[in-house]
Amino acid sequence: MLIWPLLLTACVQLFGQPIMIRGQLVDTRGTPIPFGTVEIRHPDHGTGVAANESGEFAFSVPPERTADTLLISALGFDPKKIPIREVVRNKPLKIVLAARVFEMEEVVVRPSASKGTMELGHSRMTPEIYGGMHAEQLTQIGVWMDNPAGQSGMLQTISFFITRSGKPRSPFRVRIYAAEGDPVTVGEDMLTESLIFEPAKKGAWNTLDVSGYRIPFPEKGLFVAIEYIYTKKKFEYKTVIGDHIYADYGVVLGCTWEYAIPRSYLNYLGKGWKLWYDPGTPFGLPNPRNALIKITVSY
């Protein structure tokens, strides 16, 4: 479970005890910033926490990590770094983030040049499902939407296959990122405002019209992701796998093994984005696992 209740001050326990960091994310006017993240980045030992609707958070840090730095991020705001030792000296801890200024490229739409729409992403389903927030603090599941046409277009709809497992009516935040680099990686936000989506159907595709946001579909494609956000206790549940009981939260997104190319990515608190590629797939299946997310694009 990633969210802790009502947390307004910074509290640090020393002398070999874990350090408890409590605080709140606010903007320059003092307004709470919901669903931001506070992380300690490390490829193996990274950790972190997601803030709740009121921007409040808390998590414990091992005493040997006091020389590390907190990375604070929130959609629509400039990220911030704070040394953990500084947290000891400043309490109550209120982290102020400045609004980010986005420079968006001008998009020229010429209806006469339209060639119709194309569906991209993963649409076929196999029995495997995946989702929840228990596994090493998973926060986002995303898919790289390649651009096979090699020409610019406009994003029209996004669809997510929400299974009957978990809490299928739990809201999540939709994230859209640029595709950058070679090999491709998750880049900057292309959807710069918070878009919360609450699925209406379970065991089915749920489609969201995003044409009004006028998001361009670049020649290199883009990433579409779901971000787990903690809103209500009723969306918590438990999953039993073997001898382990996991405290889960939220929707369970469908996935498929029917595509040979891995295009799905997972984002973990403190560790960042990683390609979701598992060569040792169960049942002897040779292909990687991919999340069931698809889009339509107009050209």
C-alpha atoms as a PDB file:
ATOM      1  CA  MET A   1       0.000   0.000   0.000  1.00  0.00           C
ATOM      2  CA  LEU A   2       1.477   3.305  -1.058  1.00  0.00           C
ATOM      3  CA  ILE A   3      -0.623   5.910   0.702  1.00  0.00           C
ATOM      4  CA  TRP A   4      -0.573   6.851   4.365  1.00  0.00           C
ATOM      5  CA  PRO A   5      -3.319   8.915   6.068  1.00  0.00           C
ATOM      6  CA  LEU A   6      -3.236  12.566   7.241  1.00  0.00           C
ATOM      7  CA  LEU A   7       0.421  13.515   7.225  1.00  0.00           C
ATOM      8  CA  LEU A   8       1.341  17.153   7.738  1.00  0.00           C
ATOM      9  CA  THR A   9       4.705  17.251   9.506  1.00  0.00           C
ATOM     10  CA  ALA A  10       8.182  15.867   9.046  1.00  0.00           C
ATOM     11  CA  CYS A  11       9.303  13.356  11.642  1.00  0.00           C
ATOM     12  CA  VAL A  12      12.736  11.736  11.705  1.00  0.00           C
ATOM     13  CA  GLN A  13      13.845   8.920  13.988  1.00  0.00           C
ATOM     14  CA  LEU A  14      17.608   8.503  14.266  1.00  0.00           C
ATOM     15  CA  PHE A  15      19.974   6.196  16.175  1.00  0.00           C
ATOM     16  CA  GLY A  16      19.640   3.219  13.830  1.00  0.00           C
ATOM     17  CA  GLN A  17      15.870   3.454  13.531  1.00  0.00           C
ATOM     18  CA  PRO A  18      14.113   3.952  10.178  1.00  0.00           C
ATOM     19  CA  ILE A  19      13.573   7.558   9.180  1.00  0.00           C
ATOM     20  CA  MET A  20       9.890   8.418   8.843  1.00  0.00           C
ATOM     21  CA  ILE A  21       9.312  11.207   6.331  1.00  0.00           C
ATOM     22  CA  ARG A  22       5.892  12.838   6.412  1.00  0.00           C
ATOM     23  CA  GLY A  23       4.757  15.857   4.473  1.00  0.00           C
ATOM     24  CA  GLN A  24       2.554  17.532   1.906  1.00  0.00           C
ATOM     25  CA  LEU A  25       3.023  18.745  -1.665  1.00  0.00           C
ATOM     26  CA  VAL A  26       1.665  22.242  -2.385  1.00  0.00           C
ATOM     27  CA  ASP A  27       1.940  24.808  -5.173  1.00  0.00           C
ATOM     28  CA  THR A  28       3.242  28.363  -4.779  1.00  0.00           C
ATOM     29  CA  ARG A  29      -0.185  29.496  -3.513  1.00  0.00           C
ATOM     30  CA  GLY A  30      -0.299  26.785  -0.856  1.00  0.00           C
ATOM     31  CA  THR A  31      -2.881  24.667  -2.699  1.00  0.00           C
ATOM     32  CA  PRO A  32      -2.363  20.898  -2.230  1.00  0.00           C
ATOM     33  CA  ILE A  33      -1.043  19.002  -5.255  1.00  0.00           C
ATOM     34  CA  PRO A  34      -2.707  15.563  -5.549  1.00  0.00           C
ATOM     35  CA  PHE A  35      -1.060  12.298  -6.604  1.00  0.00           C
ATOM     36  CA  GLY A  36       2.551  13.474  -6.845  1.00  0.00           C
ATOM     37  CA  THR A  37       5.464  11.163  -6.026  1.00  0.00           C
ATOM     38  CA  VAL A  38       8.350  11.348  -3.551  1.00  0.00           C
ATOM     39  CA  GLU A  39      11.203   8.981  -4.418  1.00  0.00           C
ATOM     40  CA  ILE A  40      14.736   7.920  -3.652  1.00  0.00           C
ATOM     41  CA  ARG A  41      16.100   6.823  -7.025  1.00  0.00           C
ATOM     42  CA  HIS A  42      18.336   3.750  -7.177  1.00  0.00           C
ATOM     43  CA  PRO A  43      18.338   0.907  -9.745  1.00  0.00           C
ATOM     44  CA  ASP A  44      18.282  -1.795  -7.047  1.00  0.00           C
ATOM     45  CA  HIS A  45      17.215  -0.177  -3.774  1.00  0.00           C
ATOM     46  CA  GLY A  46      14.948   2.619  -4.965  1.00  0.00           C
ATOM     47  CA  THR A  47      11.854   3.394  -2.944  1.00  0.00           C
ATOM     48  CA  GLY A  48       9.183   6.034  -2.675  1.00  0.00           C
ATOM     49  CA  VAL A  49       5.564   6.894  -2.078  1.00  0.00           C
ATOM     50  CA  ALA A  50       2.645   8.424  -3.955  1.00  0.00           C
ATOM     51  CA  ALA A  51       0.774  11.315  -2.366  1.00  0.00           C
ATOM     52  CA  ASN A  52      -2.984  11.151  -1.864  1.00  0.00           C
ATOM     53  CA  GLU A  53      -5.692  13.538  -3.099  1.00  0.00           C
ATOM     54  CA  SER A  54      -4.620  16.118  -0.511  1.00  0.00           C
ATOM     55  CA  GLY A  55      -0.952  15.931  -1.467  1.00  0.00           C
ATOM     56  CA  GLU A  56      -0.098  14.155   1.798  1.00  0.00           C
ATOM     57  CA  PHE A  57       2.471  11.369   2.012  1.00  0.00           C
ATOM     58  CA  ALA A  58       4.635   9.349   4.403  1.00  0.00           C
ATOM     59  CA  PHE A  59       7.227   6.619   4.066  1.00  0.00           C
ATOM     60  CA  SER A  60      10.146   5.206   6.020  1.00  0.00           C
ATOM     61  CA  VAL A  61      13.756   5.331   4.881  1.00  0.00           C
ATOM     62  CA  PRO A  62      16.561   3.083   6.201  1.00  0.00           C
ATOM     63  CA  PRO A  63      19.079   5.058   8.296  1.00  0.00           C
ATOM     64  CA  GLU A  64      21.895   4.243   5.872  1.00  0.00           C
ATOM     65  CA  ARG A  65      20.067   6.226   3.161  1.00  0.00           C
ATOM     66  CA  THR A  66      20.234   9.584   4.967  1.00  0.00           C
ATOM     67  CA  ALA A  67      22.899  10.802   2.531  1.00  0.00           C
ATOM     68  CA  ASP A  68      20.507  10.307  -0.394  1.00  0.00           C
ATOM     69  CA  THR A  69      18.264  12.849  -2.073  1.00  0.00           C
ATOM     70  CA  LEU A  70      14.486  12.943  -2.432  1.00  0.00           C
ATOM     71  CA  LEU A  71      13.125  13.437  -5.951  1.00  0.00           C
ATOM     72  CA  ILE A  72       9.688  15.069  -5.906  1.00  0.00           C
ATOM     73  CA  SER A  73       7.543  14.996  -9.048  1.00  0.00           C
ATOM     74  CA  ALA A  74       3.986  15.992  -9.938  1.00  0.00           C
ATOM     75  CA  LEU A  75       2.189  16.334 -13.254  1.00  0.00           C
ATOM     76  CA  GLY A  76       2.250  19.952 -14.405  1.00  0.00           C
ATOM     77  CA  PHE A  77       5.036  21.028 -12.031  1.00  0.00           C
ATOM     78  CA  ASP A  78       8.819  21.287 -12.154  1.00  0.00           C
ATOM     79  CA  PRO A  79      10.500  18.387 -10.319  1.00  0.00           C
ATOM     80  CA  LYS A  80      12.471  19.157  -7.179  1.00  0.00           C
ATOM     81  CA  LYS A  81      15.358  17.530  -5.304  1.00  0.00           C
ATOM     82  CA  ILE A  82      15.803  17.804  -1.528  1.00  0.00           C
ATOM     83  CA  PRO A  83      18.626  16.172   0.497  1.00  0.00           C
ATOM     84  CA  ILE A  84      17.189  13.866   3.152  1.00  0.00           C
ATOM     85  CA  ARG A  85      19.427  15.495   5.771  1.00  0.00           C
ATOM     86  CA  GLU A  86      17.668  18.783   5.026  1.00  0.00           C
ATOM     87  CA  VAL A  87      14.363  17.133   5.912  1.00  0.00           C
ATOM     88  CA  VAL A  88      15.705  16.704   9.444  1.00  0.00           C
ATOM     89  CA  ARG A  89      16.210  20.459   9.799  1.00  0.00           C
ATOM     90  CA  ASN A  90      12.952  21.598   8.202  1.00  0.00           C
ATOM     91  CA  LYS A  91       9.695  20.539   9.791  1.00  0.00           C
ATOM     92  CA  PRO A  92       6.814  20.608   9.330  1.00  0.00           C
ATOM     93  CA  LEU A  93       7.697  19.508   5.798  1.00  0.00           C
ATOM     94  CA  LYS A  94       5.767  21.315   3.099  1.00  0.00           C
ATOM     95  CA  ILE A  95       7.263  20.863  -0.329  1.00  0.00           C
ATOM     96  CA  VAL A  96       6.451  23.754  -2.652  1.00  0.00           C
ATOM     97  CA  LEU A  97       6.513  23.017  -6.387  1.00  0.00           C
ATOM     98  CA  ALA A  98       6.432  25.635  -9.134  1.00  0.00           C
ATOM     99  CA  ALA A  99       4.067  25.219 -12.080  1.00  0.00           C
ATOM    100  CA  ARG A 100       5.852  24.039 -15.190  1.00  0.00           C
ATOM    101  CA  VAL A 101       5.716  26.067 -18.397  1.00  0.00           C
ATOM    102  CA  PHE A 102       5.152  23.779 -21.378  1.00  0.00           C
ATOM    103  CA  GLU A 103       6.169  24.819 -24.853  1.00  0.00           C
ATOM    104  CA  MET A 104       3.799  23.014 -27.185  1.00  0.00           C
ATOM    105  CA  GLU A 105       4.444  22.811 -30.903  1.00  0.00           C
ATOM    106  CA  GLU A 106       1.793  24.363 -33.105  1.00  0.00           C
ATOM    107  CA  VAL A 107      -0.407  21.746 -34.728  1.00  0.00           C
ATOM    108  CA  VAL A 108      -1.898  22.586 -38.115  1.00  0.00           C
ATOM    109  CA  VAL A 109      -4.940  20.491 -39.023  1.00  0.00           C
ATOM    110  CA  ARG A 110      -6.007  20.349 -42.663  1.00  0.00           C
ATOM    111  CA  PRO A 111      -9.280  18.385 -42.939  1.00  0.00           C
ATOM    112  CA  SER A 112      -8.968  18.016 -46.705  1.00  0.00           C
ATOM    113  CA  ALA A 113      -5.742  16.063 -46.249  1.00  0.00           C
ATOM    114  CA  SER A 114      -7.264  13.541 -43.827  1.00  0.00           C
ATOM    115  CA  LYS A 115      -6.816   9.896 -44.825  1.00  0.00           C
ATOM    116  CA  GLY A 116      -9.039   8.412 -42.131  1.00  0.00           C
ATOM    117  CA  THR A 117      -8.215   6.719 -38.827  1.00  0.00           C
ATOM    118  CA  MET A 118      -5.999   3.844 -37.749  1.00  0.00           C
ATOM    119  CA  GLU A 119      -6.187   1.615 -34.666  1.00  0.00           C
ATOM    120  CA  LEU A 120      -2.875   0.910 -32.937  1.00  0.00           C
ATOM    121  CA  GLY A 121      -1.784  -0.990 -29.842  1.00  0.00           C
ATOM    122  CA  HIS A 122      -2.777  -4.373 -28.421  1.00  0.00           C
ATOM    123  CA  SER A 123      -6.314  -5.650 -28.932  1.00  0.00           C
ATOM    124  CA  ARG A 124      -6.181  -9.447 -28.659  1.00  0.00           C
ATOM    125  CA  MET A 125      -6.589 -11.033 -25.246  1.00  0.00           C
ATOM    126  CA  THR A 126      -5.147 -14.186 -23.680  1.00  0.00           C
ATOM    127  CA  PRO A 127      -6.092 -15.457 -20.185  1.00  0.00           C
ATOM    128  CA  GLU A 128      -3.239 -13.660 -18.406  1.00  0.00           C
ATOM    129  CA  ILE A 129      -4.073 -10.490 -16.471  1.00  0.00           C
ATOM    130  CA  TYR A 130      -1.941  -7.997 -14.590  1.00  0.00           C
ATOM    131  CA  GLY A 131      -2.405  -4.961 -12.410  1.00  0.00           C
ATOM    132  CA  GLY A 132      -2.506  -3.624  -8.886  1.00  0.00           C
ATOM    133  CA  MET A 133       0.079  -1.814  -6.809  1.00  0.00           C
ATOM    134  CA  HIS A 134       1.698  -4.526  -4.687  1.00  0.00           C
ATOM    135  CA  ALA A 135       4.671  -5.600  -6.799  1.00  0.00           C
ATOM    136  CA  GLU A 136       7.615  -3.469  -5.709  1.00  0.00           C
ATOM    137  CA  GLN A 137       5.561  -0.279  -5.723  1.00  0.00           C
ATOM    138  CA  LEU A 138       4.353  -0.383  -9.310  1.00  0.00           C
ATOM    139  CA  THR A 139       2.773   2.951 -10.217  1.00  0.00           C
ATOM    140  CA  GLN A 140       2.302   2.977 -13.995  1.00  0.00           C
ATOM    141  CA  ILE A 141       1.799   0.538 -16.862  1.00  0.00           C
ATOM    142  CA  GLY A 142       2.418   1.992 -20.306  1.00  0.00           C
ATOM    143  CA  VAL A 143       2.545   0.918 -23.948  1.00  0.00           C
ATOM    144  CA  TRP A 144       4.624   2.368 -26.760  1.00  0.00           C
ATOM    145  CA  MET A 145       2.311   3.123 -29.669  1.00  0.00           C
ATOM    146  CA  ASP A 146       4.559   2.877 -32.714  1.00  0.00           C
ATOM    147  CA  ASN A 147       3.753   4.886 -35.841  1.00  0.00           C
ATOM    148  CA  PRO A 148       3.846   2.398 -38.730  1.00  0.00           C
ATOM    149  CA  ALA A 149       2.513   4.997 -41.168  1.00  0.00           C
ATOM    150  CA  GLY A 150       5.520   7.221 -40.479  1.00  0.00           C
ATOM    151  CA  GLN A 151       3.443  10.377 -40.706  1.00  0.00           C
ATOM    152  CA  SER A 152       2.037  12.802 -38.150  1.00  0.00           C
ATOM    153  CA  GLY A 153      -1.556  12.495 -36.988  1.00  0.00           C
ATOM    154  CA  MET A 154      -3.862  13.394 -34.098  1.00  0.00           C
ATOM    155  CA  LEU A 155      -4.752  11.152 -31.157  1.00  0.00           C
ATOM    156  CA  GLN A 156      -8.517  10.517 -31.032  1.00  0.00           C
ATOM    157  CA  THR A 157      -9.360   7.771 -28.510  1.00  0.00           C
ATOM    158  CA  ILE A 158      -7.658   5.550 -25.927  1.00  0.00           C
ATOM    159  CA  SER A 159      -9.085   2.180 -24.858  1.00  0.00           C
ATOM    160  CA  PHE A 160      -8.174   0.040 -21.844  1.00  0.00           C
ATOM    161  CA  PHE A 161      -9.241  -3.570 -21.290  1.00  0.00           C
ATOM    162  CA  ILE A 162     -10.329  -3.690 -17.634  1.00  0.00           C
ATOM    163  CA  THR A 163     -10.711  -7.230 -16.298  1.00  0.00           C
ATOM    164  CA  ARG A 164     -13.280  -8.401 -13.749  1.00  0.00           C
ATOM    165  CA  SER A 165     -10.537  -8.933 -11.166  1.00  0.00           C
ATOM    166  CA  GLY A 166      -9.463  -6.426  -8.536  1.00  0.00           C
ATOM    167  CA  LYS A 167     -11.592  -3.293  -8.296  1.00  0.00           C
ATOM    168  CA  PRO A 168     -12.671  -2.616 -11.901  1.00  0.00           C
ATOM    169  CA  ARG A 169     -14.486   0.633 -11.087  1.00  0.00           C
ATOM    170  CA  SER A 170     -11.444   2.190  -9.426  1.00  0.00           C
ATOM    171  CA  PRO A 171     -10.370   5.467 -11.089  1.00  0.00           C
ATOM    172  CA  PHE A 172      -6.886   5.882 -12.498  1.00  0.00           C
ATOM    173  CA  ARG A 173      -5.010   8.704 -14.174  1.00  0.00           C
ATOM    174  CA  VAL A 174      -4.254   8.626 -17.900  1.00  0.00           C
ATOM    175  CA  ARG A 175      -0.704   9.630 -18.848  1.00  0.00           C
ATOM    176  CA  ILE A 176       0.628  10.321 -22.348  1.00  0.00           C
ATOM    177  CA  TYR A 177       4.355  10.668 -22.998  1.00  0.00           C
ATOM    178  CA  ALA A 178       6.606  11.425 -25.939  1.00  0.00           C
ATOM    179  CA  ALA A 179       8.708   8.579 -27.341  1.00  0.00           C
ATOM    180  CA  GLU A 180      12.368   9.561 -27.240  1.00  0.00           C
ATOM    181  CA  GLY A 181      15.772   8.105 -28.062  1.00  0.00           C
ATOM    182  CA  ASP A 182      16.993   4.997 -29.839  1.00  0.00           C
ATOM    183  CA  PRO A 183      16.135   2.493 -28.483  1.00  0.00           C
ATOM    184  CA  VAL A 184      12.898   4.241 -27.628  1.00  0.00           C
ATOM    185  CA  THR A 185      12.259   5.343 -24.041  1.00  0.00           C
ATOM    186  CA  VAL A 186       9.521   7.167 -22.138  1.00  0.00           C
ATOM    187  CA  GLY A 187       9.975  10.925 -22.585  1.00  0.00           C
ATOM    188  CA  GLU A 188       8.233  14.139 -21.550  1.00  0.00           C
ATOM    189  CA  ASP A 189       4.518  14.520 -20.758  1.00  0.00           C
ATOM    190  CA  MET A 190       2.343  15.270 -23.788  1.00  0.00           C
ATOM    191  CA  LEU A 191      -0.863  15.445 -21.740  1.00  0.00           C
ATOM    192  CA  THR A 192      -0.059  18.269 -19.354  1.00  0.00           C
ATOM    193  CA  GLU A 193      -3.220  18.239 -17.233  1.00  0.00           C
ATOM    194  CA  SER A 194      -4.602  15.638 -14.860  1.00  0.00           C
ATOM    195  CA  LEU A 195      -7.065  13.334 -16.642  1.00  0.00           C
ATOM    196  CA  ILE A 196      -8.798  10.935 -14.224  1.00  0.00           C
ATOM    197  CA  PHE A 197     -10.757   8.087 -15.820  1.00  0.00           C
ATOM    198  CA  GLU A 198     -13.252   5.838 -14.018  1.00  0.00           C
ATOM    199  CA  PRO A 199     -14.049   2.678 -16.013  1.00  0.00           C
ATOM    200  CA  ALA A 200     -17.735   1.964 -16.551  1.00  0.00           C
ATOM    201  CA  LYS A 201     -17.422  -1.671 -17.674  1.00  0.00           C
ATOM    202  CA  LYS A 202     -15.579  -4.718 -16.353  1.00  0.00           C
ATOM    203  CA  GLY A 203     -14.362  -7.599 -18.462  1.00  0.00           C
ATOM    204  CA  ALA A 204     -14.515  -5.250 -21.417  1.00  0.00           C
ATOM    205  CA  TRP A 205     -12.876  -2.398 -23.284  1.00  0.00           C
ATOM    206  CA  ASN A 206     -13.385   1.080 -21.849  1.00  0.00           C
ATOM    207  CA  THR A 207     -12.858   3.897 -24.338  1.00  0.00           C
ATOM    208  CA  LEU A 208     -11.956   7.502 -23.608  1.00  0.00           C
ATOM    209  CA  ASP A 209     -12.349  10.292 -26.190  1.00  0.00           C
ATOM    210  CA  VAL A 210      -9.251  12.514 -26.013  1.00  0.00           C
ATOM    211  CA  SER A 211      -9.708  14.354 -29.311  1.00  0.00           C
ATOM    212  CA  GLY A 212     -10.513  17.583 -27.453  1.00  0.00           C
ATOM    213  CA  TYR A 213      -6.995  17.678 -25.988  1.00  0.00           C
ATOM    214  CA  ARG A 214      -5.501  18.017 -29.499  1.00  0.00           C
ATOM    215  CA  ILE A 215      -2.578  15.713 -28.809  1.00  0.00           C
ATOM    216  CA  PRO A 216      -0.388  15.179 -31.880  1.00  0.00           C
ATOM    217  CA  PHE A 217       0.720  11.684 -32.854  1.00  0.00           C
ATOM    218  CA  PRO A 218       4.385  12.139 -33.843  1.00  0.00           C
ATOM    219  CA  GLU A 219       6.314  10.173 -36.441  1.00  0.00           C
ATOM    220  CA  LYS A 220       8.045   8.268 -33.628  1.00  0.00           C
ATOM    221  CA  GLY A 221       4.753   7.468 -31.895  1.00  0.00           C
ATOM    222  CA  LEU A 222       4.019   7.996 -28.200  1.00  0.00           C
ATOM    223  CA  PHE A 223       3.435   6.211 -24.887  1.00  0.00           C
ATOM    224  CA  VAL A 224       0.012   5.760 -23.265  1.00  0.00           C
ATOM    225  CA  ALA A 225      -0.088   4.670 -19.613  1.00  0.00           C
ATOM    226  CA  ILE A 226      -2.401   4.169 -16.667  1.00  0.00           C
ATOM    227  CA  GLU A 227      -1.241   5.601 -13.341  1.00  0.00           C
ATOM    228  CA  TYR A 228      -2.566   4.063 -10.138  1.00  0.00           C
ATOM    229  CA  ILE A 229      -3.852   6.747  -7.775  1.00  0.00           C
ATOM    230  CA  TYR A 230      -5.190   6.170  -4.278  1.00  0.00           C
ATOM    231  CA  THR A 231      -8.630   7.740  -3.827  1.00  0.00           C
ATOM    232  CA  LYS A 232     -10.765   5.561  -1.523  1.00  0.00           C
ATOM    233  CA  LYS A 233     -10.273   2.656   0.870  1.00  0.00           C
ATOM    234  CA  LYS A 234     -13.070   0.708  -0.832  1.00  0.00           C
ATOM    235  CA  PHE A 235     -10.785   0.104  -3.808  1.00  0.00           C
ATOM    236  CA  GLU A 236      -8.328  -1.920  -1.701  1.00  0.00           C
ATOM    237  CA  TYR A 237      -8.286  -5.724  -1.948  1.00  0.00           C
ATOM    238  CA  LYS A 238      -6.021  -8.691  -1.237  1.00  0.00           C
ATOM    239  CA  THR A 239      -4.516 -11.192  -3.652  1.00  0.00           C
ATOM    240  CA  VAL A 240      -3.223 -14.630  -2.658  1.00  0.00           C
ATOM    241  CA  ILE A 241      -0.436 -16.055  -4.840  1.00  0.00           C
ATOM    242  CA  GLY A 242       0.996 -19.274  -3.437  1.00  0.00           C
ATOM    243  CA  ASP A 243       2.022 -18.599   0.157  1.00  0.00           C
ATOM    244  CA  HIS A 244       2.003 -14.830  -0.277  1.00  0.00           C
ATOM    245  CA  ILE A 245      -0.816 -12.390   0.440  1.00  0.00           C
ATOM    246  CA  TYR A 246      -0.528  -9.034  -1.336  1.00  0.00           C
ATOM    247  CA  ALA A 247      -2.328  -5.833  -0.383  1.00  0.00           C
ATOM    248  CA  ASP A 248      -3.513  -4.548  -3.762  1.00  0.00           C
ATOM    249  CA  TYR A 249      -5.373  -1.538  -5.043  1.00  0.00           C
ATOM    250  CA  GLY A 250      -7.225  -0.547  -8.171  1.00  0.00           C
ATOM    251  CA  VAL A 251      -8.025  -2.013 -11.559  1.00  0.00           C
ATOM    252  CA  VAL A 252      -6.449  -5.092 -13.091  1.00  0.00           C
ATOM    253  CA  LEU A 253      -5.447  -4.383 -16.661  1.00  0.00           C
ATOM    254  CA  GLY A 254      -5.701  -7.188 -19.199  1.00  0.00           C
ATOM    255  CA  CYS A 255      -2.628  -8.332 -21.103  1.00  0.00           C
ATOM    256  CA  THR A 256      -1.681 -10.565 -24.009  1.00  0.00           C
ATOM    257  CA  TRP A 257       1.178 -12.771 -25.196  1.00  0.00           C
ATOM    258  CA  GLU A 258       0.130 -12.683 -28.848  1.00  0.00           C
ATOM    259  CA  TYR A 259       2.638 -10.064 -30.013  1.00  0.00           C
ATOM    260  CA  ALA A 260       6.287 -10.904 -30.641  1.00  0.00           C
ATOM    261  CA  ILE A 261       7.641  -7.404 -29.942  1.00  0.00           C
ATOM    262  CA  PRO A 262       7.693  -6.109 -26.322  1.00  0.00           C
ATOM    263  CA  ARG A 263       6.156  -2.633 -26.227  1.00  0.00           C
ATOM    264  CA  SER A 264       4.901  -2.469 -22.633  1.00  0.00           C
ATOM    265  CA  TYR A 265       6.766  -0.644 -19.860  1.00  0.00           C
ATOM    266  CA  LEU A 266       6.414  -0.604 -16.058  1.00  0.00           C
ATOM    267  CA  ASN A 267       7.226   2.327 -13.788  1.00  0.00           C
ATOM    268  CA  TYR A 268       8.297   1.611 -10.200  1.00  0.00           C
ATOM    269  CA  LEU A 269       8.748   4.192  -7.470  1.00  0.00           C
ATOM    270  CA  GLY A 270      12.427   4.860  -6.961  1.00  0.00           C
ATOM    271  CA  LYS A 271      13.464   2.865 -10.034  1.00  0.00           C
ATOM    272  CA  GLY A 272      11.777   4.518 -13.001  1.00  0.00           C
ATOM    273  CA  TRP A 273      10.605   3.001 -16.277  1.00  0.00           C
ATOM    274  CA  LYS A 274      11.671  -0.479 -17.386  1.00  0.00           C
ATOM    275  CA  LEU A 275      10.704  -2.533 -20.402  1.00  0.00           C
ATOM    276  CA  TRP A 276       8.233  -5.222 -19.329  1.00  0.00           C
ATOM    277  CA  TYR A 277       9.969  -8.171 -20.946  1.00  0.00           C
ATOM    278  CA  ASP A 278       9.843 -11.635 -19.437  1.00  0.00           C
ATOM    279  CA  PRO A 279      11.552 -14.175 -21.749  1.00  0.00           C
ATOM    280  CA  GLY A 280      10.617 -17.049 -19.444  1.00  0.00           C
ATOM    281  CA  THR A 281       6.885 -16.745 -20.046  1.00  0.00           C
ATOM    282  CA  PRO A 282       4.618 -19.353 -18.416  1.00  0.00           C
ATOM    283  CA  PHE A 283       3.065 -22.255 -20.315  1.00  0.00           C
ATOM    284  CA  GLY A 284       5.995 -22.260 -22.737  1.00  0.00           C
ATOM    285  CA  LEU A 285       4.788 -19.185 -24.613  1.00  0.00           C
ATOM    286  CA  PRO A 286       7.650 -17.618 -26.593  1.00  0.00           C
ATOM    287  CA  ASN A 287       6.367 -14.054 -26.735  1.00  0.00           C
ATOM    288  CA  PRO A 288       6.638 -11.224 -24.189  1.00  0.00           C
ATOM    289  CA  ARG A 289       3.711  -9.923 -22.195  1.00  0.00           C
ATOM    290  CA  ASN A 290       1.995  -6.725 -23.384  1.00  0.00           C
ATOM    291  CA  ALA A 291      -0.704  -4.638 -21.729  1.00  0.00           C
ATOM    292  CA  LEU A 292      -4.101  -4.354 -23.415  1.00  0.00           C
ATOM    293  CA  ILE A 293      -4.166  -0.682 -24.343  1.00  0.00           C
ATOM    294  CA  LYS A 294      -5.057   0.595 -27.809  1.00  0.00           C
ATOM    295  CA  ILE A 295      -5.624   3.943 -29.511  1.00  0.00           C
ATOM    296  CA  THR A 296      -7.154   5.432 -32.637  1.00  0.00           C
ATOM    297  CA  VAL A 297      -5.306   8.077 -34.622  1.00  0.00           C
ATOM    298  CA  SER A 298      -6.541  10.304 -37.439  1.00  0.00           C
ATOM    299  CA  TYR A 299      -4.191  11.133 -40.311  1.00  0.00           C
END
